[in-house]
Amino acid sequence: AKTGPIIRGQFFRIPYGTSIRKTKQVLLKSIEGIKGVRRLPEPMVLVMESSESWITLKLIYYIDDFGRQFLINDEVLTAALEALNHEHINLAPPRLSISKD
């Protein structure tokens, strides 16, 4: 039995001072040509969280082929990371707290 489109998502943490609008545009554009990612419903990027160390964005997209979900996810992540890198948009480094005694 065919169900509706399958929703998938990927989180990206960006440092404060990074343009949220530009990052959203870059992420959406990066997955435009990927086979298996549906045009409708449209992919979207939402701000999910604002912590003390970064802003978390979630790239949300839809697929039909459950069996290829990991391959499609690999293509999506590869394209997104390469596009961010190309636009010099860095991901936030892990939080590291150092205490001196």
Protein backbone atom coordinates (compact mmCIF):
# COMPACT_ATOMS: atom_id res chain seq x y z
CA ALA A 1 0.00 0.00 0.00
CA LYS A 2 1.40 3.36 -1.05
CA THR A 3 1.53 5.93 1.68
CA GLY A 4 2.23 9.64 1.35
CA PRO A 5 5.65 11.19 0.98
CA ILE A 6 8.21 10.34 3.63
CA ILE A 7 9.58 13.32 5.56
CA ARG A 8 13.30 13.47 6.25
CA GLY A 9 15.39 16.06 8.02
CA GLN A 10 18.93 17.06 8.74
CA PHE A 11 20.20 19.48 11.39
CA PHE A 12 22.90 22.09 10.84
CA ARG A 13 24.33 24.21 13.65
CA ILE A 14 25.69 27.58 12.63
CA PRO A 15 27.56 30.11 14.76
CA TYR A 16 25.98 33.40 15.78
CA GLY A 17 26.74 36.13 13.27
CA THR A 18 26.11 33.82 10.30
CA SER A 19 23.33 35.01 8.01
CA ILE A 20 20.34 32.77 8.66
CA ARG A 21 18.61 33.85 5.44
CA LYS A 22 21.65 33.14 3.30
CA THR A 23 22.24 29.79 4.99
CA LYS A 24 18.62 28.79 4.35
CA GLN A 25 18.94 29.75 0.67
CA VAL A 26 22.22 27.86 0.25
CA LEU A 27 20.79 24.71 1.85
CA LEU A 28 17.63 24.75 -0.27
CA LYS A 29 19.51 25.43 -3.50
CA SER A 30 22.03 22.67 -2.74
CA ILE A 31 19.41 19.91 -2.91
CA GLU A 32 17.47 21.18 -5.96
CA GLY A 33 18.90 18.67 -8.42
CA ILE A 34 18.94 15.59 -6.22
CA LYS A 35 17.02 12.67 -7.69
CA GLY A 36 14.55 11.27 -5.19
CA VAL A 37 13.95 14.54 -3.33
CA ARG A 38 10.40 15.70 -4.05
CA ARG A 39 9.61 19.19 -5.32
CA LEU A 40 6.19 18.97 -3.63
CA PRO A 41 5.80 19.21 -0.75
CA GLU A 42 8.56 21.78 -1.04
CA PRO A 43 11.75 21.33 0.96
CA MET A 44 12.16 23.93 3.70
CA VAL A 45 14.69 25.12 6.25
CA LEU A 46 13.43 26.09 9.70
CA VAL A 47 15.20 27.59 12.70
CA MET A 48 14.75 24.96 15.39
CA GLU A 49 16.79 26.27 18.30
CA SER A 50 18.83 29.19 19.49
CA SER A 51 21.26 28.07 22.18
CA GLU A 52 24.05 30.00 23.87
CA SER A 53 26.54 28.54 21.39
CA TRP A 54 24.80 28.26 18.02
CA ILE A 55 21.63 28.44 15.97
CA THR A 56 20.19 25.11 14.83
CA LEU A 57 18.58 24.93 11.41
CA LYS A 58 16.73 21.90 10.09
CA LEU A 59 16.63 21.10 6.40
CA ILE A 60 13.36 19.25 5.82
CA TYR A 61 12.64 17.39 2.60
CA TYR A 62 10.35 14.67 1.31
CA ILE A 63 11.06 11.43 -0.52
CA ASP A 64 8.99 8.59 -1.98
CA ASP A 65 11.49 5.75 -2.00
CA PHE A 66 11.85 4.40 1.55
CA GLY A 67 14.39 1.83 0.36
CA ARG A 68 16.73 4.55 -0.91
CA GLN A 69 16.35 6.89 2.08
CA PHE A 70 19.95 6.47 3.30
CA LEU A 71 21.42 6.93 -0.18
CA ILE A 72 19.28 10.03 -0.73
CA ASN A 73 20.25 11.33 2.72
CA ASP A 74 23.92 10.82 1.83
CA GLU A 75 23.46 12.86 -1.36
CA VAL A 76 21.54 15.58 0.49
CA LEU A 77 24.15 15.89 3.25
CA THR A 78 27.08 15.81 0.82
CA ALA A 79 25.52 18.49 -1.40
CA ALA A 80 24.53 20.65 1.58
CA LEU A 81 27.94 20.48 3.26
CA GLU A 82 29.77 21.18 0.00
CA ALA A 83 27.50 24.16 -0.73
CA LEU A 84 27.99 25.61 2.76
CA ASN A 85 31.74 25.16 2.41
CA HIS A 86 31.71 26.79 -1.03
CA GLU A 87 29.86 29.81 0.40
CA HIS A 88 32.28 29.96 3.39
CA ILE A 89 29.46 29.23 5.84
CA ASN A 90 30.98 27.37 8.77
CA LEU A 91 29.20 25.00 11.09
CA ALA A 92 29.46 25.74 14.79
CA PRO A 93 32.27 23.88 16.56
CA PRO A 94 31.35 21.59 19.45
CA ARG A 95 31.04 23.38 22.76
CA LEU A 96 34.16 23.01 24.85
CA SER A 97 34.34 24.27 28.38
CA ILE A 98 37.73 24.63 30.03
CA SER A 99 38.01 25.30 33.71
CA LYS A 100 41.22 26.43 35.38
CA ASP A 101 41.93 25.41 38.95
